Protein backbone atom coordinates (compact mmCIF):
# COMPACT_ATOMS: atom_id res chain seq x y z
CA MET A 1 0.00 0.00 0.00
CA LYS A 2 1.08 3.60 -0.52
CA LEU A 3 1.41 4.22 3.21
CA TYR A 4 4.18 1.65 3.17
CA LYS A 5 5.70 2.85 -0.08
CA SER A 6 6.04 6.36 1.34
CA ILE A 7 8.57 5.00 3.86
CA VAL A 8 10.86 3.94 1.04
CA PHE A 9 10.17 7.08 -0.97
CA THR A 10 11.24 9.40 1.82
CA VAL A 11 14.63 7.74 2.21
CA VAL A 12 15.30 7.79 -1.53
CA ALA A 13 14.08 11.37 -1.97
CA LEU A 14 16.43 12.56 0.77
CA ALA A 15 19.33 12.50 -1.65
CA GLY A 16 17.79 15.00 -4.04
CA ILE A 17 16.73 17.33 -1.25
CA LEU A 18 20.18 17.50 0.32
CA VAL A 19 22.03 17.97 -2.94
CA SER A 20 19.87 21.01 -3.63
CA CYS A 21 20.34 22.63 -0.24
CA ASN A 22 23.94 21.84 0.69
CA ASP A 23 27.25 22.69 -0.92
CA GLY A 24 29.73 19.86 -1.17
CA TYR A 25 27.81 16.95 0.29
CA GLU A 26 26.72 15.68 -3.10
CA THR A 27 30.05 13.86 -3.42
CA LEU A 28 29.15 11.45 -0.59
CA PRO A 29 27.44 8.11 -1.28
CA VAL A 30 23.65 8.10 -1.21
CA ASP A 31 23.74 5.58 1.64
CA ASN A 32 25.30 8.26 3.86
CA TYR A 33 22.24 10.53 3.72
CA THR A 34 20.80 10.17 7.19
CA ILE A 35 18.25 11.92 9.36
CA ASP A 36 21.09 12.90 11.71
CA TYR A 37 22.79 14.68 8.84
CA VAL A 38 19.70 16.62 7.76
CA PHE A 39 18.82 17.60 11.33
CA SER A 40 22.35 18.25 12.49
CA VAL A 41 23.39 19.36 15.97
CA THR A 42 26.22 21.33 14.36
CA ASP A 43 24.23 23.16 11.68
CA SER A 44 23.54 26.45 13.48
CA ALA A 45 22.00 27.99 10.34
CA GLY A 46 19.75 24.97 9.87
CA LEU A 47 20.28 25.03 6.11
CA LYS A 48 19.74 21.33 5.55
CA ALA A 49 16.65 21.19 7.77
CA GLN A 50 15.20 24.22 6.02
CA GLY A 51 15.90 22.57 2.69
CA TRP A 52 13.78 19.65 3.88
CA LEU A 53 10.94 22.01 4.87
CA ASN A 54 11.20 23.93 1.61
CA SER A 55 10.81 20.68 -0.32
CA ILE A 56 7.48 20.15 1.48
CA TYR A 57 6.39 23.72 0.71
CA ASN A 58 7.14 23.01 -2.94
CA GLU A 59 4.53 20.26 -2.95
CA LEU A 60 1.77 22.83 -2.40
CA GLY A 61 2.16 23.61 -6.06
CA SER A 62 0.00 25.88 -8.17
CA GLY A 63 -3.52 25.43 -9.45
CA HIS A 64 -2.76 27.06 -12.80
CA ASN A 65 -3.37 24.39 -15.44
CA ARG A 66 -2.65 21.89 -12.66
CA VAL A 67 -4.66 18.89 -13.86
CA ASN A 68 -2.30 17.70 -16.57
CA GLY A 69 -2.57 21.02 -18.40
CA ASP A 70 -6.08 22.06 -17.37
CA TYR A 71 -7.75 23.99 -14.56
CA LEU A 72 -9.78 21.83 -12.17
CA ASP A 73 -12.78 24.07 -12.93
CA ALA A 74 -12.90 22.45 -16.39
CA ALA A 75 -14.22 19.38 -14.54
CA THR A 76 -17.29 21.37 -13.41
CA ASP A 77 -20.13 23.17 -15.17
CA ASP A 78 -17.97 26.29 -15.49
CA ALA A 79 -15.63 25.23 -18.30
CA VAL A 80 -14.44 22.53 -20.65
CA SER A 81 -10.97 21.77 -21.94
CA ILE A 82 -10.20 22.67 -25.54
CA LYS A 83 -8.79 19.14 -25.76
CA MET A 84 -11.98 17.46 -24.56
CA SER A 85 -12.27 15.43 -27.78
CA SER A 86 -9.05 13.62 -26.82
CA SER A 87 -10.27 12.93 -23.26
CA PRO A 88 -7.69 14.77 -21.10
CA ASP A 89 -7.58 14.06 -17.39
CA VAL A 90 -9.95 16.87 -16.50
CA TYR A 91 -12.54 15.57 -18.97
CA LYS A 92 -12.31 12.10 -17.43
CA ILE A 93 -12.93 13.64 -14.01
CA GLN A 94 -15.83 15.66 -15.39
CA MET A 95 -17.40 12.59 -17.00
CA GLY A 96 -16.58 10.11 -14.25
CA GLN A 97 -14.25 8.05 -16.43
CA TYR A 98 -12.23 6.58 -13.59
CA THR A 99 -12.35 3.65 -11.17
CA SER A 100 -10.51 2.64 -8.02
CA ALA A 101 -8.10 0.65 -10.20
CA ASN A 102 -7.80 3.27 -12.95
CA THR A 103 -7.46 6.60 -11.17
CA ILE A 104 -6.56 10.04 -12.54
CA ALA A 105 -2.95 10.54 -11.48
CA SER A 106 -3.03 14.32 -11.77
CA ASP A 107 -5.67 14.74 -9.04
CA MET A 108 -6.23 11.41 -7.28
CA ILE A 109 -2.91 11.57 -5.48
CA TRP A 110 -3.52 9.62 -2.27
CA GLY A 111 0.02 8.24 -2.06
CA SER A 112 1.74 11.57 -2.71
CA TYR A 113 -0.14 13.24 0.13
CA TYR A 114 0.88 10.50 2.54
CA GLU A 115 4.47 10.84 1.38
CA MET A 116 4.30 14.51 2.31
CA ILE A 117 2.64 13.75 5.65
CA ARG A 118 5.48 11.36 6.45
CA LYS A 119 8.05 14.00 5.53
CA CYS A 120 6.25 16.47 7.79
CA ASN A 121 6.37 14.00 10.68
CA ILE A 122 10.09 13.43 10.18
CA PHE A 123 10.63 17.19 10.32
CA ILE A 124 8.43 17.64 13.39
CA GLN A 125 10.18 14.83 15.26
CA ASN A 126 13.71 16.02 14.51
CA ILE A 127 13.80 19.81 14.09
CA ASP A 128 14.30 20.57 17.78
CA VAL A 129 17.88 19.25 17.74
CA VAL A 130 19.00 21.89 15.24
CA PRO A 131 20.76 24.72 17.16
CA PHE A 132 19.45 27.70 15.18
CA ASN A 133 21.29 30.90 16.02
CA THR A 134 18.33 33.12 15.08
CA LYS A 135 14.89 33.86 16.47
CA ILE A 136 11.60 34.75 14.74
CA VAL A 137 8.85 37.04 16.01
CA ASN A 138 5.64 35.02 16.28
CA ALA A 139 1.99 36.10 16.14
CA LEU A 140 2.09 37.06 19.83
CA GLY A 141 4.88 39.53 19.12
CA GLU A 142 7.36 37.37 21.03
CA GLU A 143 10.83 36.37 19.92
CA ALA A 144 10.38 32.64 19.46
CA THR A 145 12.91 29.97 18.60
CA THR A 146 13.24 29.32 14.91
CA ASN A 147 12.60 25.65 15.66
CA SER A 148 9.15 26.33 17.12
CA VAL A 149 8.06 28.57 14.24
CA LEU A 150 9.23 26.16 11.54
CA LYS A 151 7.63 23.25 13.36
CA ALA A 152 4.32 25.14 13.41
CA GLU A 153 4.63 25.77 9.68
CA CYS A 154 5.17 22.07 9.10
CA ARG A 155 2.15 21.19 11.22
CA TRP A 156 0.08 23.52 9.02
CA LEU A 157 1.43 21.82 5.91
CA ARG A 158 0.57 18.41 7.32
CA ALA A 159 -2.97 19.57 8.10
CA TRP A 160 -3.27 20.95 4.56
CA PHE A 161 -2.36 17.58 3.05
CA TYR A 162 -4.92 15.90 5.28
CA PHE A 163 -7.52 18.41 4.10
CA GLN A 164 -6.69 17.58 0.48
CA LEU A 165 -7.37 13.93 1.28
CA LEU A 166 -10.50 14.75 3.27
CA GLU A 167 -12.21 16.73 0.52
CA ARG A 168 -11.43 14.03 -2.03
CA TYR A 169 -12.03 10.84 -0.04
CA GLY A 170 -13.76 11.64 3.26
CA GLY A 171 -12.20 10.24 6.44
CA VAL A 172 -8.66 8.88 6.05
CA PRO A 173 -6.09 7.29 8.38
CA LEU A 174 -4.56 9.86 10.73
CA MET A 175 -0.91 9.19 11.47
CA GLY A 176 -0.42 11.61 14.34
CA ASP A 177 3.31 12.29 14.74
CA ARG A 178 4.26 8.71 13.94
CA VAL A 179 6.90 7.84 11.38
CA LEU A 180 6.34 4.21 10.50
CA ASP A 181 9.18 2.03 9.31
CA ILE A 182 9.31 -1.23 7.44
CA ASN A 183 8.71 -3.34 10.55
CA ASP A 184 5.58 -1.49 11.71
CA ASP A 185 2.00 -2.54 11.12
CA VAL A 186 0.84 -0.35 8.27
CA GLU A 187 -2.65 -1.85 7.98
CA LEU A 188 -4.45 1.17 9.38
CA PRO A 189 -8.19 1.85 9.43
CA ARG A 190 -9.72 5.08 8.21
CA ASN A 191 -10.56 7.66 10.84
CA THR A 192 -14.06 9.07 10.71
CA PHE A 193 -14.87 12.25 8.86
CA ALA A 194 -15.52 13.98 12.19
CA GLU A 195 -12.19 12.86 13.64
CA CYS A 196 -10.33 14.25 10.62
CA VAL A 197 -12.14 17.58 10.86
CA GLU A 198 -11.42 17.93 14.57
CA TYR A 199 -7.78 16.96 14.06
CA ILE A 200 -7.22 19.69 11.46
CA VAL A 201 -9.10 22.31 13.49
CA SER A 202 -7.26 21.43 16.71
CA GLU A 203 -3.93 21.69 14.90
CA MET A 204 -4.81 25.16 13.63
CA ASP A 205 -5.83 26.28 17.12
CA ALA A 206 -2.62 24.84 18.59
CA ILE A 207 -0.18 26.48 16.17
CA ARG A 208 -1.90 29.77 15.40
CA TYR A 209 0.11 31.98 17.74
CA GLN A 210 3.38 30.12 17.09
CA LEU A 211 3.39 31.29 13.46
CA ARG A 212 4.48 34.60 12.00
CA SER A 213 1.89 37.29 11.44
CA TYR A 214 1.03 39.71 8.66
CA PRO A 215 2.55 42.03 7.55
CA ILE A 216 5.41 39.59 7.20
CA VAL A 217 8.93 40.60 8.21
CA ASN A 218 11.34 40.69 5.25
CA PRO A 219 8.75 39.79 2.58
CA SER A 220 11.40 39.40 -0.12
CA LEU A 221 12.45 36.21 1.69
CA ASN A 222 9.37 35.23 3.67
CA ALA A 223 6.28 36.42 1.79
CA GLU A 224 5.26 32.84 1.01
CA ARG A 225 5.54 31.66 4.62
CA ILE A 226 2.52 30.40 6.54
CA THR A 227 1.11 32.95 8.98
CA ASP A 228 -1.45 32.89 11.77
CA ALA A 229 -3.94 34.21 9.20
CA ALA A 230 -3.34 31.13 7.04
CA ALA A 231 -4.11 28.94 10.07
CA MET A 232 -7.36 30.77 10.70
CA ALA A 233 -8.26 30.62 7.00
CA LEU A 234 -7.77 26.86 6.82
CA LYS A 235 -9.87 26.42 9.96
CA SER A 236 -12.61 28.54 8.38
CA ARG A 237 -12.68 26.50 5.17
CA VAL A 238 -12.65 23.14 6.97
CA LEU A 239 -15.51 24.08 9.29
CA LEU A 240 -17.55 25.52 6.40
CA TYR A 241 -17.16 22.28 4.46
CA ALA A 242 -17.96 20.20 7.54
CA ALA A 243 -21.25 22.06 8.10
CA SER A 244 -22.32 21.60 4.48
CA PRO A 245 -25.12 19.25 3.35
CA LEU A 246 -22.90 16.51 1.88
CA TYR A 247 -21.37 15.82 5.29
CA ASN A 248 -23.93 17.19 7.72
CA GLU A 249 -27.52 17.28 6.52
CA ASN A 250 -27.69 15.00 3.49
CA PRO A 251 -24.80 12.49 3.29
CA ILE A 252 -24.82 10.03 0.41
CA GLU A 253 -24.86 7.10 2.85
CA PRO A 254 -26.60 8.05 6.11
CA GLY A 255 -24.88 6.57 9.14
CA ASN A 256 -21.55 6.05 7.35
CA GLU A 257 -19.22 8.14 9.51
CA LEU A 258 -16.36 7.80 7.05
CA VAL A 259 -18.10 10.18 4.63
CA GLY A 260 -20.10 12.40 6.99
CA TYR A 261 -21.45 12.92 10.47
CA ALA A 262 -23.60 10.38 12.27
CA SER A 263 -26.44 12.90 12.51
CA TYR A 264 -27.31 16.43 11.49
CA ASP A 265 -26.36 19.31 13.80
CA ALA A 266 -27.37 22.83 12.79
CA SER A 267 -24.86 24.30 15.24
CA ARG A 268 -22.05 23.32 12.87
CA TRP A 269 -23.05 26.29 10.72
CA ALA A 270 -22.78 28.61 13.72
CA ARG A 271 -19.34 27.22 14.49
CA ALA A 272 -18.22 27.85 10.90
CA ALA A 273 -19.62 31.38 11.05
CA GLU A 274 -17.78 32.03 14.30
CA ALA A 275 -14.45 30.91 12.82
CA ALA A 276 -14.85 33.18 9.79
CA LYS A 277 -16.03 36.10 11.93
CA GLU A 278 -13.02 35.74 14.21
CA PHE A 279 -10.76 36.08 11.18
CA LEU A 280 -12.58 39.19 9.96
CA ASP A 281 -12.50 40.75 13.42
CA THR A 282 -8.88 40.01 14.32
CA GLN A 283 -6.96 39.95 11.02
CA THR A 284 -7.46 43.65 10.42
CA ALA A 285 -4.33 44.00 8.29
CA HIS A 286 -6.09 41.98 5.58
CA LYS A 287 -8.90 43.46 3.52
CA LEU A 288 -10.40 43.48 0.03
CA ALA A 289 -8.14 44.80 -2.69
CA ARG A 290 -9.43 48.02 -4.19
CA LYS A 291 -9.96 46.49 -7.64
CA TYR A 292 -10.91 42.94 -8.52
CA ASP A 293 -8.19 42.65 -11.18
CA ASN A 294 -5.53 43.85 -8.73
CA ILE A 295 -5.82 40.64 -6.75
CA PHE A 296 -4.19 38.68 -9.55
CA LEU A 297 -1.97 41.33 -11.15
CA THR A 298 -0.10 42.78 -8.19
CA PHE A 299 2.31 41.11 -5.83
CA TRP A 300 1.65 40.44 -2.16
CA THR A 301 2.81 43.52 -0.26
CA ASN A 302 1.37 45.50 2.61
CA ALA A 303 0.85 48.57 0.46
CA VAL A 304 -0.69 46.94 -2.62
CA ASN A 305 -2.55 43.71 -2.06
CA GLN A 306 -3.72 43.00 1.45
CA GLU A 307 -6.34 40.57 0.16
CA VAL A 308 -3.78 37.78 -0.22
CA ILE A 309 -3.62 35.51 2.82
CA PHE A 310 -1.49 32.66 1.50
CA PHE A 311 -0.14 32.01 -1.98
CA ARG A 312 2.38 30.15 -4.09
CA GLN A 313 4.52 32.30 -6.36
CA GLY A 314 5.00 31.24 -9.96
CA GLY A 315 7.52 33.84 -11.05
CA ASN A 316 7.52 36.17 -14.03
CA SER A 317 6.36 34.48 -17.21
CA THR A 318 3.84 34.41 -20.03
CA ASP A 319 2.75 30.85 -19.22
CA ILE A 320 -0.88 31.53 -18.31
CA GLU A 321 -1.40 33.83 -21.29
CA LYS A 322 0.14 31.40 -23.75
CA LYS A 323 -1.61 28.33 -22.38
CA ASN A 324 -5.05 29.90 -22.13
CA GLY A 325 -5.11 32.98 -24.34
CA PRO A 326 -7.20 33.23 -27.52
CA LEU A 327 -6.12 31.36 -30.63
CA GLY A 328 -5.15 32.96 -33.91
CA PHE A 329 -2.28 35.15 -32.81
CA SER A 330 1.34 34.47 -33.70
CA GLY A 331 4.82 34.68 -32.27
CA ASN A 332 4.98 35.73 -28.62
CA SER A 333 1.22 36.39 -28.67
CA LEU A 334 0.26 32.85 -29.60
CA GLY A 335 -2.31 31.39 -27.22
CA ASN A 336 -3.38 27.76 -26.94
CA GLY A 337 -6.87 28.52 -25.63
CA ARG A 338 -6.79 25.59 -23.22
CA THR A 339 -9.64 26.68 -20.91
CA ASN A 340 -13.07 27.34 -22.44
CA PRO A 341 -15.66 28.82 -20.06
CA THR A 342 -19.22 27.60 -20.56
CA GLN A 343 -22.35 29.59 -21.26
CA ASN A 344 -23.53 28.27 -17.90
CA LEU A 345 -20.82 30.31 -16.18
CA VAL A 346 -21.32 33.37 -18.38
CA ASP A 347 -25.04 33.38 -17.57
CA ALA A 348 -24.24 33.34 -13.85
CA PHE A 349 -22.84 36.88 -14.00
CA PRO A 350 -25.60 39.39 -13.26
CA MET A 351 -26.33 42.68 -14.96
CA LEU A 352 -24.51 45.84 -13.94
CA ASP A 353 -27.07 46.57 -11.23
CA GLY A 354 -26.64 43.12 -9.69
CA LYS A 355 -29.95 41.75 -10.97
CA LYS A 356 -30.08 38.40 -12.69
CA ILE A 357 -30.49 38.21 -16.46
CA GLY A 358 -34.11 39.01 -17.27
CA GLU A 359 -34.84 40.71 -13.93
CA SER A 360 -33.20 44.11 -14.40
CA LYS A 361 -35.42 46.98 -15.45
CA LYS A 362 -32.59 49.47 -15.84
CA TYR A 363 -30.22 47.18 -17.76
CA VAL A 364 -32.45 45.07 -19.97
CA TYR A 365 -30.63 41.98 -21.23
CA ASP A 366 -30.30 41.86 -25.00
CA PRO A 367 -29.65 38.30 -26.28
CA GLN A 368 -28.06 39.80 -29.39
CA ASN A 369 -25.79 42.06 -27.36
CA PRO A 370 -25.28 39.65 -24.47
CA TYR A 371 -22.15 41.14 -22.86
CA ALA A 372 -23.34 44.73 -22.53
CA ASN A 373 -24.04 46.18 -19.08
CA ARG A 374 -22.92 43.09 -17.21
CA ASP A 375 -21.11 42.58 -13.91
CA PRO A 376 -17.54 43.84 -14.63
CA ARG A 377 -16.15 40.57 -13.29
CA LEU A 378 -17.39 38.89 -16.48
CA THR A 379 -14.91 40.92 -18.50
CA SER A 380 -12.16 40.11 -15.99
CA THR A 381 -12.91 36.38 -16.16
CA VAL A 382 -13.93 35.52 -19.73
CA PHE A 383 -12.84 36.46 -23.25
CA TYR A 384 -15.97 36.85 -25.36
CA ASN A 385 -16.63 37.86 -28.94
CA GLY A 386 -15.88 41.55 -29.51
CA TYR A 387 -13.48 41.87 -26.57
CA LYS A 388 -10.46 44.13 -27.14
CA TRP A 389 -7.21 42.18 -26.76
CA LEU A 390 -3.67 42.54 -28.08
CA GLY A 391 -4.67 45.65 -29.97
CA THR A 392 -7.51 44.02 -31.88
CA THR A 393 -11.13 42.99 -31.54
CA LEU A 394 -11.59 39.29 -30.86
CA ASP A 395 -13.51 37.30 -33.44
CA LEU A 396 -14.50 34.13 -31.60
CA HIS A 397 -17.06 32.52 -33.87
CA GLN A 398 -16.06 29.01 -34.89
CA GLY A 399 -13.67 29.54 -37.77
CA GLY A 400 -13.11 33.19 -36.83
CA SER A 401 -9.74 34.89 -36.69
CA HIS A 402 -9.26 34.12 -33.00
CA ASN A 403 -11.04 30.77 -32.89
CA PRO A 404 -9.87 29.03 -36.08
CA THR A 405 -11.00 25.45 -36.61
CA SER A 406 -8.28 24.50 -39.08
CA GLY A 407 -5.99 23.16 -36.34
CA GLY A 408 -8.58 20.72 -35.05
CA GLU A 409 -8.68 22.22 -31.56
CA TYR A 410 -10.87 25.26 -31.02
CA SER A 411 -13.27 26.66 -28.45
CA ARG A 412 -16.63 25.01 -28.92
CA THR A 413 -18.10 27.28 -26.25
CA GLY A 414 -17.11 30.51 -28.03
CA TYR A 415 -15.15 31.67 -24.96
CA PHE A 416 -11.63 31.59 -23.52
CA MET A 417 -10.52 32.18 -19.95
CA HIS A 418 -9.23 35.68 -19.18
CA LYS A 419 -8.75 35.54 -15.43
CA PHE A 420 -5.22 35.74 -13.94
CA MET A 421 -3.73 37.32 -17.08
CA GLY A 422 -1.76 40.52 -17.40
CA ASP A 423 -3.29 43.55 -19.06
CA PHE A 424 -2.53 43.10 -22.75
CA THR A 425 -5.53 44.99 -24.07
CA ALA A 426 -3.47 47.44 -26.11
CA ALA A 427 -0.16 45.56 -26.28
CA THR A 428 0.94 43.82 -29.47
CA GLU A 429 2.44 40.78 -27.76
CA TYR A 430 2.69 39.09 -24.39
CA SER A 431 5.45 40.01 -21.96
CA SER A 432 6.37 38.47 -18.62
CA VAL A 433 3.95 39.08 -15.76
CA LEU A 434 4.21 37.95 -12.15
CA HIS A 435 1.80 35.05 -11.70
CA TYR A 436 1.04 33.44 -8.39
CA TRP A 437 -1.58 31.02 -7.15
CA MET A 438 -3.94 32.19 -4.44
CA ILE A 439 -4.54 29.48 -1.83
CA PHE A 440 -6.50 31.77 0.49
CA ARG A 441 -7.76 35.32 -0.01
CA TYR A 442 -9.88 37.65 2.06
CA ALA A 443 -12.98 37.48 -0.16
CA GLU A 444 -13.24 33.75 0.48
CA ILE A 445 -13.37 34.29 4.24
CA MET A 446 -16.05 36.92 3.74
CA LEU A 447 -18.13 34.52 1.66
CA ASN A 448 -17.51 31.74 4.19
CA TYR A 449 -18.95 34.00 6.86
CA ALA A 450 -21.96 35.06 4.81
CA GLU A 451 -22.84 31.49 3.89
CA ALA A 452 -22.39 29.99 7.35
CA LEU A 453 -24.16 32.86 9.10
CA ASN A 454 -27.11 32.75 6.71
CA GLU A 455 -27.47 28.99 7.23
CA SER A 456 -27.35 29.41 11.00
CA LEU A 457 -30.18 31.99 11.04
CA ASP A 458 -33.87 31.83 10.23
CA ALA A 459 -33.43 34.74 7.83
CA PRO A 460 -30.40 36.79 6.69
CA ASN A 461 -29.43 39.66 8.96
CA ALA A 462 -27.54 42.90 8.29
CA ASP A 463 -24.14 41.16 8.54
CA VAL A 464 -25.03 38.77 5.72
CA TYR A 465 -26.21 41.63 3.53
CA ASP A 466 -23.13 43.68 4.32
CA ILE A 467 -20.75 40.99 3.04
CA LEU A 468 -22.57 40.88 -0.29
CA PHE A 469 -22.63 44.69 -0.46
CA GLN A 470 -18.86 44.92 0.06
CA ILE A 471 -17.98 42.27 -2.52
CA ARG A 472 -20.39 43.60 -5.12
CA LYS A 473 -19.26 47.18 -4.56
CA ARG A 474 -15.64 46.18 -5.12
CA ALA A 475 -16.68 44.29 -8.26
CA GLY A 476 -18.22 47.46 -9.73
CA ILE A 477 -21.89 46.58 -9.31
CA ALA A 478 -24.06 49.71 -9.18
CA ALA A 479 -25.46 50.39 -5.72
CA GLY A 480 -28.85 51.59 -6.90
CA THR A 481 -31.11 54.02 -5.07
CA ALA A 482 -31.73 54.33 -1.35
CA LYS A 483 -35.35 53.20 -1.67
CA ASP A 484 -36.21 50.63 1.01
CA ALA A 485 -32.63 50.82 2.31
CA THR A 486 -33.32 52.66 5.53
CA SER A 487 -34.34 49.49 7.41
CA TYR A 488 -30.66 48.57 7.50
CA GLY A 489 -29.40 52.11 7.98
CA LEU A 490 -28.18 52.33 4.40
CA THR A 491 -27.76 55.50 2.42
CA GLN A 492 -27.59 53.68 -0.91
CA GLY A 493 -29.32 50.77 -2.59
CA TYR A 494 -28.97 47.03 -2.25
CA TYR A 495 -26.51 46.25 -5.07
CA GLY A 496 -29.17 44.20 -6.81
CA LEU A 497 -30.45 42.45 -3.70
CA THR A 498 -33.82 43.11 -2.10
CA PRO A 499 -34.75 43.76 1.52
CA ASP A 500 -36.28 40.99 3.60
CA MET A 501 -34.94 38.13 1.50
CA THR A 502 -35.63 34.64 2.78
CA LYS A 503 -32.88 32.33 3.90
CA GLU A 504 -33.35 30.27 0.73
CA GLU A 505 -33.21 33.32 -1.54
CA MET A 506 -30.02 34.54 0.12
CA ARG A 507 -28.52 31.06 -0.11
CA GLU A 508 -28.95 31.16 -3.87
CA VAL A 509 -27.32 34.60 -4.08
CA ILE A 510 -24.36 33.64 -1.89
CA ARG A 511 -23.69 30.46 -3.83
CA ASN A 512 -23.77 32.31 -7.13
CA GLU A 513 -21.59 35.11 -5.75
CA ARG A 514 -19.04 32.51 -4.69
CA ARG A 515 -19.17 30.97 -8.14
CA ILE A 516 -18.39 34.15 -10.05
CA GLU A 517 -16.06 35.76 -7.51
CA MET A 518 -13.91 32.63 -7.12
CA ALA A 519 -14.13 31.29 -10.69
CA PHE A 520 -11.15 29.12 -11.71
CA GLU A 521 -9.71 29.16 -8.17
CA GLU A 522 -10.54 25.46 -7.51
CA MET A 523 -13.64 26.29 -5.49
CA ARG A 524 -16.51 25.29 -7.77
CA PHE A 525 -15.45 21.63 -7.96
CA TYR A 526 -15.78 21.18 -4.21
CA ASP A 527 -18.60 23.65 -3.68
CA ILE A 528 -21.09 21.78 -5.87
CA ARG A 529 -20.14 18.61 -4.03
CA ARG A 530 -20.33 19.88 -0.46
CA TRP A 531 -23.68 21.55 -1.26
CA ARG A 532 -24.90 18.18 -2.62
CA GLU A 533 -25.93 20.06 -5.75
CA ALA A 534 -23.94 18.27 -8.47
CA GLU A 535 -26.76 15.84 -9.21
CA LYS A 536 -29.08 18.79 -9.93
CA ILE A 537 -26.56 21.01 -11.68
CA PHE A 538 -25.59 18.35 -14.21
CA GLU A 539 -29.19 17.78 -15.21
CA THR A 540 -28.55 20.85 -17.39
CA PRO A 541 -26.13 20.27 -20.28
CA LEU A 542 -22.90 22.23 -20.46
CA ARG A 543 -23.58 25.00 -22.95
CA GLY A 544 -21.73 27.27 -25.34
CA MET A 545 -22.50 30.20 -27.62
CA SER A 546 -23.01 29.77 -31.34
CA ILE A 547 -21.88 32.97 -33.05
CA VAL A 548 -23.03 33.42 -36.65
CA VAL A 549 -21.42 36.27 -38.56
CA GLY A 550 -23.42 37.69 -41.46
CA SER A 551 -22.57 40.43 -43.90
CA ASN A 552 -24.05 43.12 -41.68
CA SER A 553 -24.84 41.38 -38.41
CA VAL A 554 -23.72 38.97 -35.72
CA THR A 555 -26.23 36.52 -34.26
CA TYR A 556 -25.84 34.83 -30.88
CA ASN A 557 -27.56 31.55 -30.03
CA PRO A 558 -26.78 29.51 -26.90
CA ILE A 559 -26.33 25.82 -27.69
CA ASP A 560 -26.02 22.56 -25.75
CA LEU A 561 -22.57 20.98 -25.94
CA VAL A 562 -22.03 18.21 -23.42
CA LYS A 563 -24.26 16.19 -21.14
CA VAL A 564 -22.62 14.96 -17.94
CA ASN A 565 -24.16 11.76 -16.62
CA TRP A 566 -23.77 12.16 -12.88
CA ASP A 567 -23.53 9.27 -10.41
CA ASN A 568 -23.84 10.11 -6.71
CA LYS A 569 -20.89 7.92 -5.82
CA ARG A 570 -18.78 10.59 -7.51
CA TYR A 571 -19.28 12.94 -4.59
CA PHE A 572 -16.13 11.17 -3.35
CA TYR A 573 -13.22 9.69 -5.21
CA PRO A 574 -12.70 5.95 -4.77
CA ILE A 575 -9.96 4.83 -2.40
CA PRO A 576 -7.24 3.43 -4.70
CA TYR A 577 -7.72 -0.28 -5.32
CA ASP A 578 -4.23 -1.18 -4.07
CA GLU A 579 -4.94 0.49 -0.72
CA VAL A 580 -8.10 -1.57 -0.19
CA ASN A 581 -6.64 -4.77 -1.58
CA LYS A 582 -3.54 -4.75 0.63
CA ASN A 583 -5.13 -3.41 3.78
CA ASN A 584 -7.93 -5.46 5.34
CA LYS A 585 -8.88 -2.49 7.53
CA MET A 586 -9.32 -0.07 4.65
CA VAL A 587 -13.01 0.45 3.80
CA GLN A 588 -13.91 1.58 0.27
CA ASN A 589 -16.12 4.61 -0.33
CA PRO A 590 -19.84 4.00 -0.95
CA ASN A 591 -20.71 2.20 -4.21
CA TRP A 592 -17.11 1.96 -5.40
CA LYS A 593 -15.43 -1.43 -5.82
């Protein structure tokens, strides 16, 4: 089983880690790489131990085109891969073309997560022997030992890897601080879903004040380090997921504590709301960026982008633009159009006044001018026909200048992804832009709070409304008039909402706001699962836009593209066959073999 294989992997991988972080030792035989060498009592700078920790940080990776070239969102109703005709990994996930014996290696990475958990445990067990000659100021403002801060970071990383397993598989074996060797019993049972949730939450509570705090000291070296805010953010996400219908109210197999709670408890929503509210109340150095685009186009600094809580830097490049930009350009402007948003996603963006398509009286939706007077986030997220890019107007009809069909691969939806890209509206070619992957940002915590609070109440209160007001205001949604606003002490309108909404009406708004605000940030895939909504959502085909260009007109007609046949067992991935086959205590997920 992979739990056993990770023991061997860690010893072998040690060689590569040490060669990269130590000068001169690469001449020694591989057999001489030992734990005592990495965690050395004579290494006062702790270079080798920090090299070990950095190798774990590196496994966080980036979500940009992560699933073998695609965004995970292309496995949802929000997008398809341009390569869907050749069945890329993300298409197989979207269509359920996998089994416990034939998994998707780019996302079903059970063994890799346990390898990282083992590496974390080795670090946690051994870091205290390293005689660091420096101290680090922790979240309490105290000068703490470097050992204690780095150990807390590693405990966060370990909890993160457990969360990755939890959201994919449900309850999994918890290793504690143990480092098993070849002689240990590695036939371990799965812990319950509840036990895994409480383990992650308790770890975040335990390490929170041992970590650094924002604004980070010496950001040129430490900007990517885990802070107390990252601990609170992970706690918020875990508790929100745990309160959600898939695990709490409507599990796919009632009574199976590996994939949910034994019984429903409404107070789990209040607990999730409390965790998010604590973040918003105490992490006052974080806030919404002034502009939506600035979140993804400016680096993490105190003066520019306080929305970023935790990220992975990707460096300066044109990778995202070239992989996902529109087709039909040449040279350094050539895009491969990999990610094609669906009409389903485009229709989710409201009109400029925040009203849904067909409900606005001020901004009447015109099916033949479908992108006019829309939520500005649509333009920031999706390339559509007529958009200005690279000094020209995009022609995205099938066979058009920027969606040619001659190469065999083209956007069948009539759209390309725009989010995360640099501003090349007027430029003639792409140039390097700093790209980084947002793991946590402030808007998510706000939406966590709004959702959990709304679910914990009989009807939405002023706090729930206020979160939506703030996010929509930042997006550029028009506030509207002050009519009926005085009941909440407002001097402006409701940003497309209405007073006295029901809990169910607000739930719909919050879920849609999360969809469009967090598009392509690996949220939608898990959101439609934890809400237990995938079975309903995929009743509607994935859609695109047929664009017909005439001599004097352009006609738009939404079309059906793909029908996803959903099976409820797909709310969880199957435990890999080898894990179940070799471990008599390992129980498979419901309805998988």
